[in-house]
Amino acid sequence: MPELLKLITPSAALDLILQSVLEIEVGTEKVATSKSLGRVARQSYHSKSTLPAFNKSSVDGFSVRAQDTFGASDSLPQYITVVGEVPMGKEPQLEISEGQSAIAYTGGMLAKNADSVIMVEYTNSVDTETIEVTKPVAKGENVVFAGEDIKPKDKIIVSGHTIRPQDIGALSALGINELQVSLRPKVAIISTGDELVPAESDPKLGQIRDLNSHTISALVNQAGGVPCQIGIFKDDYELQLSAAKQAIKDCDIIVFSAGSSVSNRDLTVKVFEALGEPGILAHGIAIKPGKPTILGLAKNKPLIGLPGNPVSALVVADLLLKPVIRSLMGDMNPSFRHEISALLTSDIPSRSGREDHVPVKLEQVKGVLSATPVFGKSNLIFTLVKSDGTVCVPTDIAGLYKGQTVTVRIY
């Protein structure tokens, strides 16, 4: 008789697998900064430059001496002579004195001796050489000063930081055009089951297309890993073990899809135990969907056995596989997820003692973001297609209620 699952909480499962891979990291490589989006920096970077490198105008207008505008108003404007302009991309050749100004452009330098910029909206042209100023400016107003953004030796990026679009822009502005980043972990994906056929095939009655290989591959890519689809394997211990042994040599993470339950056809536990110590870390999580999940470790490689049902597989992969990938990359926040608050449009029943992850559809109605549950069984992939994220019902409550504000975990 198969042994019953010994359930642990989802948070305990996440802590367990992350602790087991804490000291495991993949190698590093240098990549062009322009190609580093989503990669994890593996060294810290400091500025060697001042940014901006010069005082510049933040508006279109006239660079002036602030004191020459004091007291200006619509009824009593100050009259100032325009002595020229400072072209964009050029050092100023003009030097202004009392009662003088020079045309300034957004992002351009100021005339020498200027200490502020009056916006063009607060000036009127009197003639080709004179403007009237209808509003005073303070010293430094509408000026971005040299070093205001960053100074030499300032820290820009720390090791473990995931590169974002704004980081690429900032690094490029400082002339840092290469980054040392983590390699992308290789994730072996092994699908099991006598009923599976390739997605490109026409299944016969009793057969189903293997969709988990493709959904999990997409999730691995999204997390920053490299998916390696090993193939589909029948419910044969020797075949599955042979595939796993080869995968553990070539890849950083081993993922089995299906075969994680406790029937005689579910071989994943036996295969994982044969791969090396310590073997199985946990078998069974108090979660719906995804209860029969397996976690293991062998030869310093994390092992994850996902349920065969597609919804279960994706929910668990998002909860556990993604953070493992990010951890191996050295991400300082491997469990980070994008979340948003919304009002629940209907009740979500649950059962105390397990954590339910329910797909929801988000909709903006009269300025209020609502979350509508998309109920369905764990083998119905379109419940996820029709939804935008999931709501978690904690283990210690028996459900969530219509009108309640909930946290939605965005896909």
Protein backbone atom coordinates (compact mmCIF):
# COMPACT_ATOMS: atom_id res chain seq x y z
CA MET A 1 0.00 0.00 0.00
CA PRO A 2 1.53 3.41 -0.95
CA GLU A 3 2.54 5.65 1.95
CA LEU A 4 0.32 8.69 2.53
CA LEU A 5 1.75 12.17 1.94
CA LYS A 6 3.25 14.03 4.90
CA LEU A 7 2.12 17.59 4.25
CA ILE A 8 4.07 20.74 5.05
CA THR A 9 2.88 24.32 4.57
CA PRO A 10 3.73 26.17 1.34
CA SER A 11 5.85 28.69 3.27
CA ALA A 12 7.76 25.84 4.94
CA ALA A 13 8.27 24.23 1.54
CA LEU A 14 9.65 27.47 0.11
CA ASP A 15 11.97 27.99 3.09
CA LEU A 16 13.12 24.38 2.87
CA ILE A 17 14.05 24.44 -0.81
CA LEU A 18 15.65 27.91 -0.63
CA GLN A 19 17.73 26.91 2.40
CA SER A 20 18.88 23.78 0.59
CA VAL A 21 20.21 25.81 -2.36
CA LEU A 22 21.49 28.77 -0.33
CA GLU A 23 25.16 28.01 -1.01
CA ILE A 24 24.61 26.89 -4.62
CA GLU A 25 25.26 29.38 -7.39
CA VAL A 26 25.76 29.11 -11.11
CA GLY A 27 28.78 30.74 -12.76
CA THR A 28 29.08 34.24 -14.15
CA GLU A 29 29.64 35.88 -17.51
CA LYS A 30 30.08 39.35 -18.96
CA VAL A 31 27.27 40.73 -21.07
CA ALA A 32 26.64 44.05 -22.78
CA THR A 33 24.74 46.39 -20.48
CA SER A 34 22.21 46.92 -23.27
CA LYS A 35 21.47 43.15 -23.20
CA SER A 36 21.35 42.71 -19.41
CA LEU A 37 17.64 43.22 -18.72
CA GLY A 38 16.44 40.76 -16.07
CA ARG A 39 19.92 39.42 -15.37
CA VAL A 40 21.39 39.43 -11.85
CA ALA A 41 24.52 41.51 -11.23
CA ARG A 42 27.31 39.50 -9.60
CA GLN A 43 29.46 42.42 -8.54
CA SER A 44 28.76 45.89 -7.24
CA TYR A 45 29.32 48.94 -9.42
CA HIS A 46 30.28 52.45 -8.35
CA SER A 47 30.22 55.65 -10.31
CA LYS A 48 33.49 57.04 -11.66
CA SER A 49 31.77 60.12 -13.02
CA THR A 50 29.57 63.05 -12.08
CA LEU A 51 26.04 63.03 -13.49
CA PRO A 52 25.04 65.41 -14.85
CA ALA A 53 28.55 66.52 -15.69
CA PHE A 54 27.52 70.18 -15.86
CA ASN A 55 24.81 72.55 -14.64
CA LYS A 56 21.92 72.40 -17.10
CA SER A 57 18.50 73.86 -17.63
CA SER A 58 15.44 71.77 -16.79
CA VAL A 59 13.13 73.95 -18.93
CA ASP A 60 13.06 76.00 -22.11
CA GLY A 61 13.51 79.67 -21.33
CA PHE A 62 16.25 82.17 -20.54
CA SER A 63 19.26 81.76 -18.28
CA VAL A 64 19.47 84.79 -16.00
CA ARG A 65 20.85 86.12 -12.75
CA ALA A 66 18.05 85.56 -10.24
CA GLN A 67 18.55 88.97 -8.65
CA ASP A 68 17.61 90.64 -11.95
CA THR A 69 14.10 89.15 -11.75
CA PHE A 70 13.28 90.09 -8.16
CA GLY A 71 10.01 92.03 -7.86
CA ALA A 72 8.79 91.05 -11.34
CA SER A 73 5.01 90.68 -11.80
CA ASP A 74 2.35 90.90 -14.51
CA SER A 75 1.66 94.51 -13.61
CA LEU A 76 5.30 95.46 -13.08
CA PRO A 77 7.57 93.29 -15.26
CA GLN A 78 11.35 93.41 -15.27
CA TYR A 79 12.95 94.18 -18.65
CA ILE A 80 16.00 92.09 -19.55
CA THR A 81 18.25 92.16 -22.59
CA VAL A 82 18.73 88.94 -24.58
CA VAL A 83 22.37 88.78 -25.65
CA GLY A 84 22.26 85.42 -27.51
CA GLU A 85 21.74 81.70 -26.91
CA VAL A 86 23.61 78.67 -25.64
CA PRO A 87 23.20 75.97 -28.34
CA MET A 88 22.42 72.39 -27.27
CA GLY A 89 25.50 70.19 -26.95
CA LYS A 90 27.86 73.19 -26.79
CA GLU A 91 29.82 74.86 -24.00
CA PRO A 92 28.62 78.39 -23.32
CA GLN A 93 30.61 81.16 -24.94
CA LEU A 94 28.33 83.89 -23.63
CA GLU A 95 28.84 85.63 -20.31
CA ILE A 96 25.91 87.63 -18.98
CA SER A 97 26.05 90.60 -16.66
CA GLU A 98 23.48 92.74 -14.87
CA GLY A 99 20.17 92.93 -16.72
CA GLN A 100 21.15 90.37 -19.34
CA SER A 101 19.95 86.86 -20.32
CA ALA A 102 20.60 84.14 -22.89
CA ILE A 103 18.20 81.68 -24.50
CA ALA A 104 18.35 78.31 -22.72
CA TYR A 105 17.07 74.90 -23.82
CA THR A 106 15.96 71.93 -21.74
CA GLY A 107 19.07 69.86 -21.04
CA GLY A 108 21.40 72.58 -22.32
CA MET A 109 24.04 74.52 -20.43
CA LEU A 110 23.52 77.97 -18.93
CA ALA A 111 25.31 81.14 -19.96
CA LYS A 112 28.31 82.03 -17.81
CA ASN A 113 27.37 83.93 -14.64
CA ALA A 114 23.72 82.72 -14.89
CA ASP A 115 22.39 81.08 -11.72
CA SER A 116 18.80 80.27 -12.70
CA VAL A 117 16.43 79.89 -15.65
CA ILE A 118 13.14 81.70 -16.17
CA MET A 119 10.56 79.62 -18.02
CA VAL A 120 9.56 81.00 -21.41
CA GLU A 121 5.91 80.93 -20.20
CA TYR A 122 6.74 83.77 -17.77
CA THR A 123 8.26 86.06 -20.37
CA ASN A 124 6.98 88.22 -23.22
CA SER A 125 9.00 89.35 -26.20
CA VAL A 126 9.30 93.15 -26.42
CA ASP A 127 11.61 93.20 -29.44
CA THR A 128 14.38 91.03 -30.89
CA GLU A 129 16.72 91.96 -28.04
CA THR A 130 14.43 92.46 -25.05
CA ILE A 131 12.04 90.38 -22.96
CA GLU A 132 9.81 91.31 -20.08
CA VAL A 133 9.84 88.92 -17.11
CA THR A 134 6.51 88.59 -15.25
CA LYS A 135 7.57 86.26 -12.43
CA PRO A 136 10.72 86.23 -10.29
CA VAL A 137 12.96 83.15 -9.99
CA ALA A 138 15.05 82.06 -7.04
CA LYS A 139 18.73 81.28 -7.34
CA GLY A 140 19.08 77.74 -8.69
CA GLU A 141 15.47 77.55 -9.90
CA ASN A 142 14.94 75.37 -12.99
CA VAL A 143 18.58 74.28 -12.88
CA VAL A 144 19.85 70.71 -12.53
CA PHE A 145 23.25 70.99 -10.90
CA ALA A 146 26.35 68.96 -11.71
CA GLY A 147 26.44 65.85 -9.53
CA GLU A 148 22.82 66.24 -8.45
CA ASP A 149 21.99 62.77 -9.84
CA ILE A 150 25.17 60.92 -8.90
CA LYS A 151 28.74 61.63 -7.83
CA PRO A 152 32.02 59.72 -8.11
CA LYS A 153 32.21 56.69 -5.74
CA ASP A 154 28.41 56.59 -5.31
CA LYS A 155 27.07 53.01 -5.38
CA ILE A 156 24.97 52.32 -8.47
CA ILE A 157 24.28 48.57 -8.51
CA VAL A 158 24.88 46.02 -5.76
CA SER A 159 25.65 42.36 -6.29
CA GLY A 160 22.41 40.41 -6.33
CA HIS A 161 20.40 43.20 -7.95
CA THR A 162 18.15 42.32 -10.88
CA ILE A 163 18.78 44.68 -13.79
CA ARG A 164 15.80 46.86 -14.79
CA PRO A 165 15.32 49.26 -17.75
CA GLN A 166 16.21 52.29 -15.59
CA ASP A 167 19.42 50.56 -14.45
CA ILE A 168 20.48 50.04 -18.06
CA GLY A 169 19.88 53.73 -18.75
CA ALA A 170 21.83 54.89 -15.70
CA LEU A 171 24.78 52.57 -16.37
CA SER A 172 24.90 53.62 -20.02
CA ALA A 173 24.88 57.27 -18.99
CA LEU A 174 28.02 56.58 -16.93
CA GLY A 175 29.75 54.71 -19.73
CA ILE A 176 29.49 51.30 -18.01
CA ASN A 177 28.80 49.19 -21.07
CA GLU A 178 29.53 45.69 -19.72
CA LEU A 179 28.25 43.89 -16.61
CA GLN A 180 29.30 40.76 -14.74
CA VAL A 181 26.11 38.77 -14.31
CA SER A 182 25.03 35.27 -13.32
CA LEU A 183 24.72 32.60 -15.94
CA ARG A 184 21.14 31.56 -16.62
CA PRO A 185 20.48 28.27 -14.77
CA LYS A 186 19.69 25.33 -17.01
CA VAL A 187 16.43 23.67 -16.00
CA ALA A 188 15.81 20.10 -17.19
CA ILE A 189 12.11 19.41 -17.80
CA ILE A 190 11.12 15.75 -17.93
CA SER A 191 7.50 14.88 -18.67
CA THR A 192 6.24 11.46 -17.62
CA GLY A 193 3.16 9.41 -18.35
CA ASP A 194 1.97 6.63 -20.68
CA GLU A 195 -0.84 8.89 -21.89
CA LEU A 196 1.37 11.76 -23.11
CA VAL A 197 2.17 12.50 -26.74
CA PRO A 198 4.09 15.50 -28.16
CA ALA A 199 2.12 18.71 -28.55
CA GLU A 200 2.64 18.47 -32.31
CA SER A 201 0.85 15.08 -32.47
CA ASP A 202 -2.82 14.23 -32.96
CA PRO A 203 -3.71 12.32 -29.78
CA LYS A 204 -5.83 9.22 -29.93
CA LEU A 205 -8.61 8.56 -27.45
CA GLY A 206 -7.07 8.17 -24.02
CA GLN A 207 -3.99 10.22 -24.96
CA ILE A 208 -3.29 13.89 -24.23
CA ARG A 209 -0.80 16.38 -25.61
CA ASP A 210 2.13 17.23 -23.36
CA LEU A 211 1.49 20.86 -22.54
CA ASN A 212 3.39 21.02 -19.24
CA SER A 213 6.78 20.88 -20.99
CA HIS A 214 5.86 24.06 -22.85
CA THR A 215 4.16 25.96 -20.01
CA ILE A 216 6.99 25.18 -17.59
CA SER A 217 9.57 26.10 -20.24
CA ALA A 218 7.88 29.46 -20.68
CA LEU A 219 7.85 30.02 -16.91
CA VAL A 220 11.56 29.11 -16.71
CA ASN A 221 12.32 31.65 -19.43
CA GLN A 222 10.26 34.26 -17.60
CA ALA A 223 12.23 33.60 -14.41
CA GLY A 224 15.55 34.00 -16.19
CA GLY A 225 16.51 30.35 -16.64
CA VAL A 226 17.22 28.25 -19.71
CA PRO A 227 14.61 25.51 -20.24
CA CYS A 228 15.93 22.16 -21.46
CA GLN A 229 13.11 19.90 -22.59
CA ILE A 230 14.48 16.39 -22.10
CA GLY A 231 11.43 14.66 -23.52
CA ILE A 232 8.42 12.50 -22.68
CA PHE A 233 9.02 9.25 -20.81
CA LYS A 234 6.68 6.34 -20.22
CA ASP A 235 5.86 5.13 -16.71
CA ASP A 236 9.02 3.06 -16.67
CA TYR A 237 11.46 3.41 -13.77
CA GLU A 238 14.62 2.60 -15.73
CA LEU A 239 13.75 4.99 -18.57
CA GLN A 240 12.97 7.83 -16.17
CA LEU A 241 16.06 7.20 -14.04
CA SER A 242 18.32 7.17 -17.10
CA ALA A 243 16.87 10.51 -18.26
CA ALA A 244 17.29 12.00 -14.78
CA LYS A 245 20.92 10.84 -14.47
CA GLN A 246 21.81 12.49 -17.77
CA ALA A 247 19.91 15.64 -16.87
CA ILE A 248 21.66 16.00 -13.51
CA LYS A 249 25.00 15.99 -15.34
CA ASP A 250 23.98 18.66 -17.85
CA CYS A 251 21.60 20.94 -15.96
CA ASP A 252 21.36 22.94 -12.73
CA ILE A 253 17.78 22.08 -11.74
CA ILE A 254 15.76 18.93 -12.44
CA VAL A 255 11.99 19.18 -12.85
CA PHE A 256 9.71 16.18 -13.29
CA SER A 257 6.18 16.79 -14.53
CA ALA A 258 3.66 14.18 -13.28
CA GLY A 259 4.44 11.05 -11.30
CA SER A 260 4.48 12.92 -7.98
CA SER A 261 1.47 11.28 -6.32
CA VAL A 262 1.41 7.99 -4.40
CA SER A 263 -0.02 5.47 -6.89
CA ASN A 264 2.02 2.57 -8.23
CA ARG A 265 2.51 4.48 -11.50
CA ASP A 266 4.05 7.50 -9.79
CA LEU A 267 7.78 6.90 -9.89
CA THR A 268 9.30 10.33 -9.21
CA VAL A 269 10.11 9.70 -5.54
CA LYS A 270 11.91 6.47 -6.42
CA VAL A 271 13.87 8.18 -9.20
CA PHE A 272 14.85 11.14 -7.03
CA GLU A 273 16.00 8.86 -4.20
CA ALA A 274 18.26 7.00 -6.66
CA LEU A 275 20.01 10.19 -7.78
CA GLY A 276 21.99 10.69 -4.57
CA GLU A 277 21.95 12.17 -1.08
CA PRO A 278 20.11 13.74 0.63
CA GLY A 279 17.34 12.75 -1.79
CA ILE A 280 13.75 13.61 -0.86
CA LEU A 281 13.33 16.71 1.31
CA ALA A 282 9.54 16.83 1.27
CA HIS A 283 6.64 15.02 -0.37
CA GLY A 284 3.33 16.78 -0.06
CA ILE A 285 2.33 20.41 0.47
CA ALA A 286 -0.84 21.66 2.16
CA ILE A 287 -1.90 23.56 -0.93
CA LYS A 288 -4.66 23.41 -3.52
CA PRO A 289 -3.85 22.89 -6.33
CA GLY A 290 -0.48 21.13 -6.04
CA LYS A 291 -0.72 18.87 -3.00
CA PRO A 292 1.53 15.96 -4.22
CA THR A 293 4.58 18.15 -4.96
CA ILE A 294 8.04 16.64 -4.31
CA LEU A 295 11.16 18.56 -3.29
CA GLY A 296 14.62 17.02 -3.27
CA LEU A 297 18.34 17.59 -3.61
CA ALA A 298 21.03 15.39 -5.16
CA LYS A 299 24.61 16.17 -6.21
CA ASN A 300 23.98 19.79 -5.18
CA LYS A 301 21.16 20.03 -7.71
CA PRO A 302 17.60 20.92 -6.63
CA LEU A 303 14.92 18.43 -7.65
CA ILE A 304 11.26 19.40 -8.06
CA GLY A 305 8.47 16.96 -8.83
CA LEU A 306 5.41 18.81 -10.11
CA PRO A 307 1.90 17.39 -10.30
CA GLY A 308 0.78 16.41 -13.79
CA ASN A 309 -2.36 18.55 -13.80
CA PRO A 310 -1.43 21.73 -15.70
CA VAL A 311 -2.94 24.23 -13.24
CA SER A 312 -1.26 22.49 -10.30
CA ALA A 313 2.05 22.38 -12.14
CA LEU A 314 2.02 26.09 -12.97
CA VAL A 315 0.87 27.23 -9.53
CA VAL A 316 3.59 25.20 -7.80
CA ALA A 317 6.26 26.17 -10.36
CA ASP A 318 5.44 29.82 -9.77
CA LEU A 319 5.57 29.33 -6.01
CA LEU A 320 8.73 27.20 -5.80
CA LEU A 321 10.59 26.79 -9.10
CA LYS A 322 10.84 30.50 -9.89
CA PRO A 323 12.43 31.38 -6.52
CA VAL A 324 14.90 28.49 -6.87
CA ILE A 325 15.98 29.79 -10.29
CA ARG A 326 16.38 33.31 -8.92
CA SER A 327 18.29 32.03 -5.88
CA LEU A 328 20.79 30.14 -8.02
CA MET A 329 21.33 33.38 -9.94
CA GLY A 330 22.20 35.15 -6.69
CA ASP A 331 19.07 37.31 -6.64
CA MET A 332 18.85 39.08 -3.27
CA ASN A 333 15.02 38.85 -3.39
CA PRO A 334 14.33 35.46 -5.01
CA SER A 335 10.71 35.28 -3.82
CA PHE A 336 9.68 38.74 -5.03
CA ARG A 337 6.35 38.85 -6.87
CA HIS A 338 4.26 41.62 -8.37
CA GLU A 339 1.09 41.99 -6.32
CA ILE A 340 -1.89 44.33 -6.40
CA SER A 341 -4.93 44.92 -4.18
CA ALA A 342 -8.47 44.42 -5.48
CA LEU A 343 -12.04 43.97 -4.22
CA LEU A 344 -13.37 40.43 -4.37
CA THR A 345 -16.62 40.14 -6.36
CA SER A 346 -17.78 36.81 -4.90
CA ASP A 347 -17.05 34.45 -2.04
CA ILE A 348 -14.18 31.96 -2.24
CA PRO A 349 -14.92 28.89 -0.11
CA SER A 350 -11.94 27.02 1.30
CA ARG A 351 -11.04 24.42 3.89
CA SER A 352 -9.00 25.22 6.96
CA GLY A 353 -5.64 23.47 7.03
CA ARG A 354 -4.64 24.04 3.43
CA GLU A 355 -3.65 27.06 1.37
CA ASP A 356 -5.87 27.63 -1.67
CA HIS A 357 -4.59 29.51 -4.72
CA VAL A 358 -7.57 30.64 -6.78
CA PRO A 359 -7.27 32.25 -10.24
CA VAL A 360 -9.00 35.64 -10.56
CA LYS A 361 -9.87 37.97 -13.41
CA LEU A 362 -9.08 41.65 -12.82
CA GLU A 363 -11.39 44.40 -14.04
CA GLN A 364 -11.55 48.16 -13.49
CA VAL A 365 -15.11 49.26 -12.74
CA LYS A 366 -15.82 52.94 -12.00
CA GLY A 367 -12.26 53.44 -10.82
CA VAL A 368 -12.30 50.39 -8.52
CA LEU A 369 -10.19 47.33 -9.32
CA SER A 370 -12.19 44.14 -8.82
CA ALA A 371 -11.10 40.49 -8.71
CA THR A 372 -13.54 37.84 -9.95
CA PRO A 373 -12.70 34.19 -9.11
CA VAL A 374 -12.30 31.82 -12.05
CA PHE A 375 -13.24 28.46 -10.58
CA GLY A 376 -12.24 25.20 -12.21
CA LYS A 377 -10.53 21.86 -11.68
CA SER A 378 -6.74 21.54 -11.61
CA ASN A 379 -6.61 19.90 -15.04
CA LEU A 380 -8.37 22.81 -16.79
CA ILE A 381 -5.61 25.05 -18.18
CA PHE A 382 -8.09 27.64 -19.46
CA THR A 383 -8.96 28.68 -15.92
CA LEU A 384 -5.49 30.24 -15.92
CA VAL A 385 -5.82 31.59 -19.46
CA LYS A 386 -8.99 33.45 -18.44
CA SER A 387 -7.39 34.93 -15.32
CA ASP A 388 -4.78 37.60 -14.54
CA GLY A 389 -3.39 36.30 -11.27
CA THR A 390 -4.17 34.28 -8.16
CA VAL A 391 -5.57 35.01 -4.72
CA CYS A 392 -4.23 33.03 -1.79
CA VAL A 393 -6.62 31.80 0.91
CA PRO A 394 -4.46 31.22 4.03
CA THR A 395 -4.44 27.86 5.80
CA ASP A 396 -6.08 29.14 8.98
CA ILE A 397 -9.32 30.50 7.51
CA ALA A 398 -12.31 28.86 5.80
CA GLY A 399 -12.60 31.24 2.88
CA LEU A 400 -12.72 34.83 1.63
CA TYR A 401 -15.83 36.95 1.24
CA LYS A 402 -17.37 39.19 -1.39
CA GLY A 403 -16.35 42.83 -0.88
CA GLN A 404 -13.15 41.88 0.95
CA THR A 405 -9.90 43.55 -0.19
CA VAL A 406 -7.54 40.82 -1.36
CA THR A 407 -3.96 40.67 -2.62
CA VAL A 408 -3.67 39.39 -6.18
CA ARG A 409 -0.41 37.79 -7.26
CA ILE A 410 0.03 38.86 -10.89
CA TYR A 411 1.19 36.25 -13.42
